[in-house]
Amino acid sequence: MKAKDFDKKFDLGNRDIIDDLDLSTARRINQEQKRINVDFPAWVVESLDREAARIGVTRQSIIKVWLVERLKAEAANNHSIVTP
């Protein structure tokens, strides 16, 4: 389907356009994963594990969330651009 036909279908009120998309090739910009290794003291890992268990997420999830929160806060303080 050409873009103009897709746009026309949407503009005519047909909001159910998901079947017209090829999601197998879709990707979110700046969301590619990159693996890194970080060494923490044992007490940090234990604290992360306790907090992760308390809120019901994995250690990796809590590290990601906290790092993103901190980066966004720093960007806001420095008026820098950080993409989520």
PDB file of N, CA and C in Angstrom:
ATOM      1  N   MET A   1       0.852  -1.171   0.000  1.00  0.00           N
ATOM      2  CA  MET A   1       0.000   0.000   0.000  1.00  0.00           C
ATOM      3  C   MET A   1       0.900   1.238   0.000  1.00  0.00           C
ATOM      4  N   LYS A   2       0.557   2.184  -0.818  1.00  0.00           N
ATOM      5  CA  LYS A   2       1.328   3.422  -0.881  1.00  0.00           C
ATOM      6  C   LYS A   2       0.990   4.308   0.313  1.00  0.00           C
ATOM      7  N   ALA A   3       1.915   5.155   0.668  1.00  0.00           N
ATOM      8  CA  ALA A   3       1.745   6.018   1.833  1.00  0.00           C
ATOM      9  C   ALA A   3       0.507   6.893   1.702  1.00  0.00           C
ATOM     10  N   LYS A   4       0.261   7.423   0.512  1.00  0.00           N
ATOM     11  CA  LYS A   4      -0.909   8.301   0.356  1.00  0.00           C
ATOM     12  C   LYS A   4      -2.209   7.515   0.554  1.00  0.00           C
ATOM     13  N   ASP A   5      -2.242   6.247   0.129  1.00  0.00           N
ATOM     14  CA  ASP A   5      -3.427   5.416   0.338  1.00  0.00           C
ATOM     15  C   ASP A   5      -3.607   5.086   1.821  1.00  0.00           C
ATOM     16  N   PHE A   6      -2.496   4.831   2.481  1.00  0.00           N
ATOM     17  CA  PHE A   6      -2.519   4.557   3.918  1.00  0.00           C
ATOM     18  C   PHE A   6      -3.036   5.781   4.665  1.00  0.00           C
ATOM     19  N   ASP A   7      -2.504   6.950   4.343  1.00  0.00           N
ATOM     20  CA  ASP A   7      -2.940   8.193   4.985  1.00  0.00           C
ATOM     21  C   ASP A   7      -4.416   8.462   4.733  1.00  0.00           C
ATOM     22  N   LYS A   8      -4.852   8.218   3.507  1.00  0.00           N
ATOM     23  CA  LYS A   8      -6.260   8.453   3.150  1.00  0.00           C
ATOM     24  C   LYS A   8      -7.172   7.532   3.971  1.00  0.00           C
ATOM     25  N   LYS A   9      -6.787   6.273   4.082  1.00  0.00           N
ATOM     26  CA  LYS A   9      -7.575   5.310   4.857  1.00  0.00           C
ATOM     27  C   LYS A   9      -7.695   5.794   6.305  1.00  0.00           C
ATOM     28  N   PHE A  10      -6.586   6.256   6.875  1.00  0.00           N
ATOM     29  CA  PHE A  10      -6.598   6.751   8.246  1.00  0.00           C
ATOM     30  C   PHE A  10      -7.444   8.015   8.355  1.00  0.00           C
ATOM     31  N   ASP A  11      -7.258   8.935   7.414  1.00  0.00           N
ATOM     32  CA  ASP A  11      -7.989  10.204   7.446  1.00  0.00           C
ATOM     33  C   ASP A  11      -9.490  10.022   7.289  1.00  0.00           C
ATOM     34  N   LEU A  12      -9.899   8.956   6.625  1.00  0.00           N
ATOM     35  CA  LEU A  12     -11.326   8.683   6.446  1.00  0.00           C
ATOM     36  C   LEU A  12     -11.961   8.061   7.684  1.00  0.00           C
ATOM     37  N   GLY A  13     -11.147   7.900   8.729  1.00  0.00           N
ATOM     38  CA  GLY A  13     -11.706   7.431   9.988  1.00  0.00           C
ATOM     39  C   GLY A  13     -11.463   5.973  10.286  1.00  0.00           C
ATOM     40  N   ASN A  14     -10.768   5.272   9.408  1.00  0.00           N
ATOM     41  CA  ASN A  14     -10.477   3.866   9.669  1.00  0.00           C
ATOM     42  C   ASN A  14      -9.241   3.792  10.554  1.00  0.00           C
ATOM     43  N   ARG A  15      -9.458   3.717  11.841  1.00  0.00           N
ATOM     44  CA  ARG A  15      -8.349   3.708  12.796  1.00  0.00           C
ATOM     45  C   ARG A  15      -7.734   2.316  12.960  1.00  0.00           C
ATOM     46  N   ASP A  16      -8.367   1.295  12.384  1.00  0.00           N
ATOM     47  CA  ASP A  16      -7.855  -0.067  12.467  1.00  0.00           C
ATOM     48  C   ASP A  16      -6.931  -0.317  11.277  1.00  0.00           C
ATOM     49  N   ILE A  17      -5.718   0.214  11.371  1.00  0.00           N
ATOM     50  CA  ILE A  17      -4.770   0.128  10.270  1.00  0.00           C
ATOM     51  C   ILE A  17      -3.606  -0.808  10.572  1.00  0.00           C
ATOM     52  N   ILE A  18      -3.648  -1.463  11.707  1.00  0.00           N
ATOM     53  CA  ILE A  18      -2.531  -2.308  12.127  1.00  0.00           C
ATOM     54  C   ILE A  18      -2.268  -3.434  11.135  1.00  0.00           C
ATOM     55  N   ASP A  19      -3.314  -3.954  10.513  1.00  0.00           N
ATOM     56  CA  ASP A  19      -3.140  -5.042   9.552  1.00  0.00           C
ATOM     57  C   ASP A  19      -2.423  -4.580   8.287  1.00  0.00           C
ATOM     58  N   ASP A  20      -2.370  -3.280   8.064  1.00  0.00           N
ATOM     59  CA  ASP A  20      -1.702  -2.736   6.886  1.00  0.00           C
ATOM     60  C   ASP A  20      -0.216  -2.470   7.126  1.00  0.00           C
ATOM     61  N   LEU A  21       0.252  -2.739   8.341  1.00  0.00           N
ATOM     62  CA  LEU A  21       1.640  -2.482   8.686  1.00  0.00           C
ATOM     63  C   LEU A  21       2.438  -3.773   8.719  1.00  0.00           C
ATOM     64  N   ASP A  22       3.688  -3.718   8.294  1.00  0.00           N
ATOM     65  CA  ASP A  22       4.600  -4.855   8.393  1.00  0.00           C
ATOM     66  C   ASP A  22       5.441  -4.647   9.644  1.00  0.00           C
ATOM     67  N   LEU A  23       4.995  -5.188  10.759  1.00  0.00           N
ATOM     68  CA  LEU A  23       5.660  -4.989  12.034  1.00  0.00           C
ATOM     69  C   LEU A  23       6.917  -5.837  12.194  1.00  0.00           C
ATOM     70  N   SER A  24       7.145  -6.762  11.264  1.00  0.00           N
ATOM     71  CA  SER A  24       8.341  -7.606  11.373  1.00  0.00           C
ATOM     72  C   SER A  24       9.617  -6.803  11.158  1.00  0.00           C
ATOM     73  N   THR A  25       9.514  -5.674  10.488  1.00  0.00           N
ATOM     74  CA  THR A  25      10.698  -4.843  10.245  1.00  0.00           C
ATOM     75  C   THR A  25      10.680  -3.563  11.071  1.00  0.00           C
ATOM     76  N   ALA A  26       9.678  -3.416  11.923  1.00  0.00           N
ATOM     77  CA  ALA A  26       9.570  -2.193  12.726  1.00  0.00           C
ATOM     78  C   ALA A  26      10.627  -2.186  13.818  1.00  0.00           C
ATOM     79  N   ARG A  27      11.130  -0.997  14.120  1.00  0.00           N
ATOM     80  CA  ARG A  27      12.067  -0.845  15.226  1.00  0.00           C
ATOM     81  C   ARG A  27      11.908   0.544  15.798  1.00  0.00           C
ATOM     82  N   ARG A  28      12.274   0.683  17.053  1.00  0.00           N
ATOM     83  CA  ARG A  28      12.202   1.980  17.716  1.00  0.00           C
ATOM     84  C   ARG A  28      13.576   2.618  17.663  1.00  0.00           C
ATOM     85  N   ILE A  29      13.638   3.815  17.189  1.00  0.00           N
ATOM     86  CA  ILE A  29      14.904   4.516  17.061  1.00  0.00           C
ATOM     87  C   ILE A  29      15.519   4.723  18.447  1.00  0.00           C
ATOM     88  N   ASN A  30      16.811   4.546  18.536  1.00  0.00           N
ATOM     89  CA  ASN A  30      17.580   4.687  19.779  1.00  0.00           C
ATOM     90  C   ASN A  30      17.163   3.696  20.857  1.00  0.00           C
ATOM     91  N   GLN A  31      16.555   2.602  20.476  1.00  0.00           N
ATOM     92  CA  GLN A  31      16.147   1.593  21.450  1.00  0.00           C
ATOM     93  C   GLN A  31      16.889   0.274  21.255  1.00  0.00           C
ATOM     94  N   GLU A  32      17.892   0.259  20.357  1.00  0.00           N
ATOM     95  CA  GLU A  32      18.663  -0.958  20.164  1.00  0.00           C
ATOM     96  C   GLU A  32      19.388  -1.287  21.473  1.00  0.00           C
ATOM     97  N   GLN A  33      19.450  -2.565  21.765  1.00  0.00           N
ATOM     98  CA  GLN A  33      20.096  -2.998  22.996  1.00  0.00           C
ATOM     99  C   GLN A  33      21.594  -3.139  22.772  1.00  0.00           C
ATOM    100  N   LYS A  34      22.363  -2.796  23.782  1.00  0.00           N
ATOM    101  CA  LYS A  34      23.803  -2.983  23.766  1.00  0.00           C
ATOM    102  C   LYS A  34      24.196  -3.554  25.122  1.00  0.00           C
ATOM    103  N   ARG A  35      24.853  -4.695  25.089  1.00  0.00           N
ATOM    104  CA  ARG A  35      25.222  -5.373  26.329  1.00  0.00           C
ATOM    105  C   ARG A  35      26.498  -4.769  26.898  1.00  0.00           C
ATOM    106  N   ILE A  36      26.469  -4.546  28.215  1.00  0.00           N
ATOM    107  CA  ILE A  36      27.660  -4.087  28.934  1.00  0.00           C
ATOM    108  C   ILE A  36      27.822  -4.923  30.193  1.00  0.00           C
ATOM    109  N   ASN A  37      28.999  -4.922  30.734  1.00  0.00           N
ATOM    110  CA  ASN A  37      29.259  -5.592  32.009  1.00  0.00           C
ATOM    111  C   ASN A  37      29.673  -4.544  33.018  1.00  0.00           C
ATOM    112  N   VAL A  38      29.094  -4.623  34.196  1.00  0.00           N
ATOM    113  CA  VAL A  38      29.421  -3.692  35.264  1.00  0.00           C
ATOM    114  C   VAL A  38      29.681  -4.514  36.520  1.00  0.00           C
ATOM    115  N   ASP A  39      30.773  -4.208  37.183  1.00  0.00           N
ATOM    116  CA  ASP A  39      31.096  -4.886  38.438  1.00  0.00           C
ATOM    117  C   ASP A  39      30.666  -4.006  39.608  1.00  0.00           C
ATOM    118  N   PHE A  40      29.910  -4.616  40.554  1.00  0.00           N
ATOM    119  CA  PHE A  40      29.467  -3.930  41.757  1.00  0.00           C
ATOM    120  C   PHE A  40      29.995  -4.679  42.969  1.00  0.00           C
ATOM    121  N   PRO A  41      30.205  -3.985  44.065  1.00  0.00           N
ATOM    122  CA  PRO A  41      30.515  -4.692  45.313  1.00  0.00           C
ATOM    123  C   PRO A  41      29.321  -5.570  45.708  1.00  0.00           C
ATOM    124  N   ALA A  42      29.611  -6.625  46.435  1.00  0.00           N
ATOM    125  CA  ALA A  42      28.558  -7.574  46.827  1.00  0.00           C
ATOM    126  C   ALA A  42      27.420  -6.888  47.557  1.00  0.00           C
ATOM    127  N   TRP A  43      27.708  -5.910  48.434  1.00  0.00           N
ATOM    128  CA  TRP A  43      26.642  -5.260  49.188  1.00  0.00           C
ATOM    129  C   TRP A  43      25.696  -4.495  48.264  1.00  0.00           C
ATOM    130  N   VAL A  44      26.209  -3.975  47.152  1.00  0.00           N
ATOM    131  CA  VAL A  44      25.350  -3.266  46.197  1.00  0.00           C
ATOM    132  C   VAL A  44      24.413  -4.256  45.515  1.00  0.00           C
ATOM    133  N   VAL A  45      24.958  -5.388  45.103  1.00  0.00           N
ATOM    134  CA  VAL A  45      24.129  -6.417  44.450  1.00  0.00           C
ATOM    135  C   VAL A  45      23.057  -6.914  45.415  1.00  0.00           C
ATOM    136  N   GLU A  46      23.431  -7.134  46.656  1.00  0.00           N
ATOM    137  CA  GLU A  46      22.456  -7.593  47.651  1.00  0.00           C
ATOM    138  C   GLU A  46      21.360  -6.552  47.873  1.00  0.00           C
ATOM    139  N   SER A  47      21.743  -5.292  47.925  1.00  0.00           N
ATOM    140  CA  SER A  47      20.754  -4.219  48.093  1.00  0.00           C
ATOM    141  C   SER A  47      19.844  -4.120  46.878  1.00  0.00           C
ATOM    142  N   LEU A  48      20.414  -4.254  45.697  1.00  0.00           N
ATOM    143  CA  LEU A  48      19.607  -4.242  44.470  1.00  0.00           C
ATOM    144  C   LEU A  48      18.616  -5.400  44.474  1.00  0.00           C
ATOM    145  N   ASP A  49      19.095  -6.561  44.850  1.00  0.00           N
ATOM    146  CA  ASP A  49      18.219  -7.741  44.882  1.00  0.00           C
ATOM    147  C   ASP A  49      17.074  -7.571  45.879  1.00  0.00           C
ATOM    148  N   ARG A  50      17.371  -7.021  47.042  1.00  0.00           N
ATOM    149  CA  ARG A  50      16.312  -6.787  48.041  1.00  0.00           C
ATOM    150  C   ARG A  50      15.263  -5.814  47.499  1.00  0.00           C
ATOM    151  N   GLU A  51      15.722  -4.721  46.925  1.00  0.00           N
ATOM    152  CA  GLU A  51      14.783  -3.714  46.410  1.00  0.00           C
ATOM    153  C   GLU A  51      14.000  -4.263  45.220  1.00  0.00           C
ATOM    154  N   ALA A  52      14.669  -4.998  44.359  1.00  0.00           N
ATOM    155  CA  ALA A  52      13.981  -5.596  43.213  1.00  0.00           C
ATOM    156  C   ALA A  52      12.905  -6.573  43.690  1.00  0.00           C
ATOM    157  N   ALA A  53      13.224  -7.403  44.672  1.00  0.00           N
ATOM    158  CA  ALA A  53      12.246  -8.357  45.207  1.00  0.00           C
ATOM    159  C   ALA A  53      11.090  -7.622  45.875  1.00  0.00           C
ATOM    160  N   ARG A  54      11.398  -6.531  46.564  1.00  0.00           N
ATOM    161  CA  ARG A  54      10.352  -5.768  47.255  1.00  0.00           C
ATOM    162  C   ARG A  54       9.310  -5.235  46.288  1.00  0.00           C
ATOM    163  N   ILE A  55       9.772  -4.755  45.120  1.00  0.00           N
ATOM    164  CA  ILE A  55       8.801  -4.193  44.172  1.00  0.00           C
ATOM    165  C   ILE A  55       8.414  -5.173  43.064  1.00  0.00           C
ATOM    166  N   GLY A  56       8.993  -6.377  43.085  1.00  0.00           N
ATOM    167  CA  GLY A  56       8.578  -7.434  42.162  1.00  0.00           C
ATOM    168  C   GLY A  56       9.130  -7.323  40.760  1.00  0.00           C
ATOM    169  N   VAL A  57      10.379  -6.889  40.641  1.00  0.00           N
ATOM    170  CA  VAL A  57      11.018  -6.824  39.321  1.00  0.00           C
ATOM    171  C   VAL A  57      12.375  -7.520  39.408  1.00  0.00           C
ATOM    172  N   THR A  58      13.027  -7.641  38.278  1.00  0.00           N
ATOM    173  CA  THR A  58      14.353  -8.255  38.263  1.00  0.00           C
ATOM    174  C   THR A  58      15.419  -7.219  38.617  1.00  0.00           C
ATOM    175  N   ARG A  59      16.584  -7.724  38.972  1.00  0.00           N
ATOM    176  CA  ARG A  59      17.719  -6.839  39.261  1.00  0.00           C
ATOM    177  C   ARG A  59      18.021  -5.967  38.042  1.00  0.00           C
ATOM    178  N   GLN A  60      18.041  -6.580  36.877  1.00  0.00           N
ATOM    179  CA  GLN A  60      18.334  -5.828  35.654  1.00  0.00           C
ATOM    180  C   GLN A  60      17.316  -4.716  35.428  1.00  0.00           C
ATOM    181  N   SER A  61      16.066  -4.998  35.682  1.00  0.00           N
ATOM    182  CA  SER A  61      15.015  -3.991  35.488  1.00  0.00           C
ATOM    183  C   SER A  61      15.204  -2.797  36.408  1.00  0.00           C
ATOM    184  N   ILE A  62      15.504  -3.059  37.658  1.00  0.00           N
ATOM    185  CA  ILE A  62      15.650  -1.951  38.595  1.00  0.00           C
ATOM    186  C   ILE A  62      16.875  -1.105  38.249  1.00  0.00           C
ATOM    187  N   ILE A  63      17.949  -1.755  37.809  1.00  0.00           N
ATOM    188  CA  ILE A  63      19.132  -1.000  37.392  1.00  0.00           C
ATOM    189  C   ILE A  63      18.792  -0.113  36.199  1.00  0.00           C
ATOM    190  N   LYS A  64      18.101  -0.661  35.215  1.00  0.00           N
ATOM    191  CA  LYS A  64      17.728   0.124  34.032  1.00  0.00           C
ATOM    192  C   LYS A  64      16.850   1.319  34.409  1.00  0.00           C
ATOM    193  N   VAL A  65      15.835   1.062  35.211  1.00  0.00           N
ATOM    194  CA  VAL A  65      14.909   2.131  35.594  1.00  0.00           C
ATOM    195  C   VAL A  65      15.635   3.239  36.350  1.00  0.00           C
ATOM    196  N   TRP A  66      16.447   2.853  37.320  1.00  0.00           N
ATOM    197  CA  TRP A  66      17.150   3.856  38.119  1.00  0.00           C
ATOM    198  C   TRP A  66      18.144   4.647  37.281  1.00  0.00           C
ATOM    199  N   LEU A  67      18.844   3.978  36.379  1.00  0.00           N
ATOM    200  CA  LEU A  67      19.794   4.706  35.531  1.00  0.00           C
ATOM    201  C   LEU A  67      19.084   5.688  34.601  1.00  0.00           C
ATOM    202  N   VAL A  68      17.986   5.255  34.004  1.00  0.00           N
ATOM    203  CA  VAL A  68      17.235   6.145  33.119  1.00  0.00           C
ATOM    204  C   VAL A  68      16.683   7.332  33.903  1.00  0.00           C
ATOM    205  N   GLU A  69      16.139   7.074  35.093  1.00  0.00           N
ATOM    206  CA  GLU A  69      15.635   8.178  35.920  1.00  0.00           C
ATOM    207  C   GLU A  69      16.739   9.185  36.213  1.00  0.00           C
ATOM    208  N   ARG A  70      17.906   8.692  36.559  1.00  0.00           N
ATOM    209  CA  ARG A  70      19.026   9.588  36.888  1.00  0.00           C
ATOM    210  C   ARG A  70      19.495  10.364  35.659  1.00  0.00           C
ATOM    211  N   LEU A  71      19.587   9.691  34.524  1.00  0.00           N
ATOM    212  CA  LEU A  71      20.006  10.372  33.299  1.00  0.00           C
ATOM    213  C   LEU A  71      19.017  11.461  32.893  1.00  0.00           C
ATOM    214  N   LYS A  72      17.729  11.169  33.044  1.00  0.00           N
ATOM    215  CA  LYS A  72      16.712  12.180  32.728  1.00  0.00           C
ATOM    216  C   LYS A  72      16.800  13.365  33.683  1.00  0.00           C
ATOM    217  N   ALA A  73      17.024  13.095  34.962  1.00  0.00           N
ATOM    218  CA  ALA A  73      17.147  14.168  35.949  1.00  0.00           C
ATOM    219  C   ALA A  73      18.370  15.026  35.649  1.00  0.00           C
ATOM    220  N   GLU A  74      19.479  14.390  35.316  1.00  0.00           N
ATOM    221  CA  GLU A  74      20.694  15.134  34.978  1.00  0.00           C
ATOM    222  C   GLU A  74      20.485  15.963  33.722  1.00  0.00           C
ATOM    223  N   ALA A  75      19.799  15.379  32.748  1.00  0.00           N
ATOM    224  CA  ALA A  75      19.536  16.110  31.508  1.00  0.00           C
ATOM    225  C   ALA A  75      18.656  17.318  31.773  1.00  0.00           C
ATOM    226  N   ALA A  76      17.659  17.164  32.647  1.00  0.00           N
ATOM    227  CA  ALA A  76      16.771  18.274  32.979  1.00  0.00           C
ATOM    228  C   ALA A  76      17.544  19.378  33.694  1.00  0.00           C
ATOM    229  N   ASN A  77      18.457  18.999  34.565  1.00  0.00           N
ATOM    230  CA  ASN A  77      19.271  19.985  35.286  1.00  0.00           C
ATOM    231  C   ASN A  77      20.260  20.696  34.380  1.00  0.00           C
ATOM    232  N   ASN A  78      20.744  19.973  33.383  1.00  0.00           N
ATOM    233  CA  ASN A  78      21.748  20.535  32.482  1.00  0.00           C
ATOM    234  C   ASN A  78      21.150  20.992  31.160  1.00  0.00           C
ATOM    235  N   HIS A  79      19.827  20.863  31.023  1.00  0.00           N
ATOM    236  CA  HIS A  79      19.140  21.222  29.781  1.00  0.00           C
ATOM    237  C   HIS A  79      19.708  20.440  28.595  1.00  0.00           C
ATOM    238  N   SER A  80      20.142  19.223  28.855  1.00  0.00           N
ATOM    239  CA  SER A  80      20.652  18.355  27.802  1.00  0.00           C
ATOM    240  C   SER A  80      19.517  17.513  27.255  1.00  0.00           C
ATOM    241  N   ILE A  81      19.752  16.910  26.122  1.00  0.00           N
ATOM    242  CA  ILE A  81      18.747  16.052  25.509  1.00  0.00           C
ATOM    243  C   ILE A  81      19.120  14.601  25.793  1.00  0.00           C
ATOM    244  N   VAL A  82      18.190  13.866  26.377  1.00  0.00           N
ATOM    245  CA  VAL A  82      18.352  12.433  26.599  1.00  0.00           C
ATOM    246  C   VAL A  82      17.160  11.756  25.968  1.00  0.00           C
ATOM    247  N   THR A  83      17.402  10.788  25.090  1.00  0.00           N
ATOM    248  CA  THR A  83      16.299  10.072  24.469  1.00  0.00           C
ATOM    249  C   THR A  83      15.992   8.827  25.255  1.00  0.00           C
ATOM    250  N   PRO A  84      14.705   8.598  25.537  1.00  0.00           N
ATOM    251  CA  PRO A  84      14.317   7.418  26.302  1.00  0.00           C
ATOM    252  C   PRO A  84      14.504   6.137  25.541  1.00  0.00           C
TER     253      PRO A  84
END
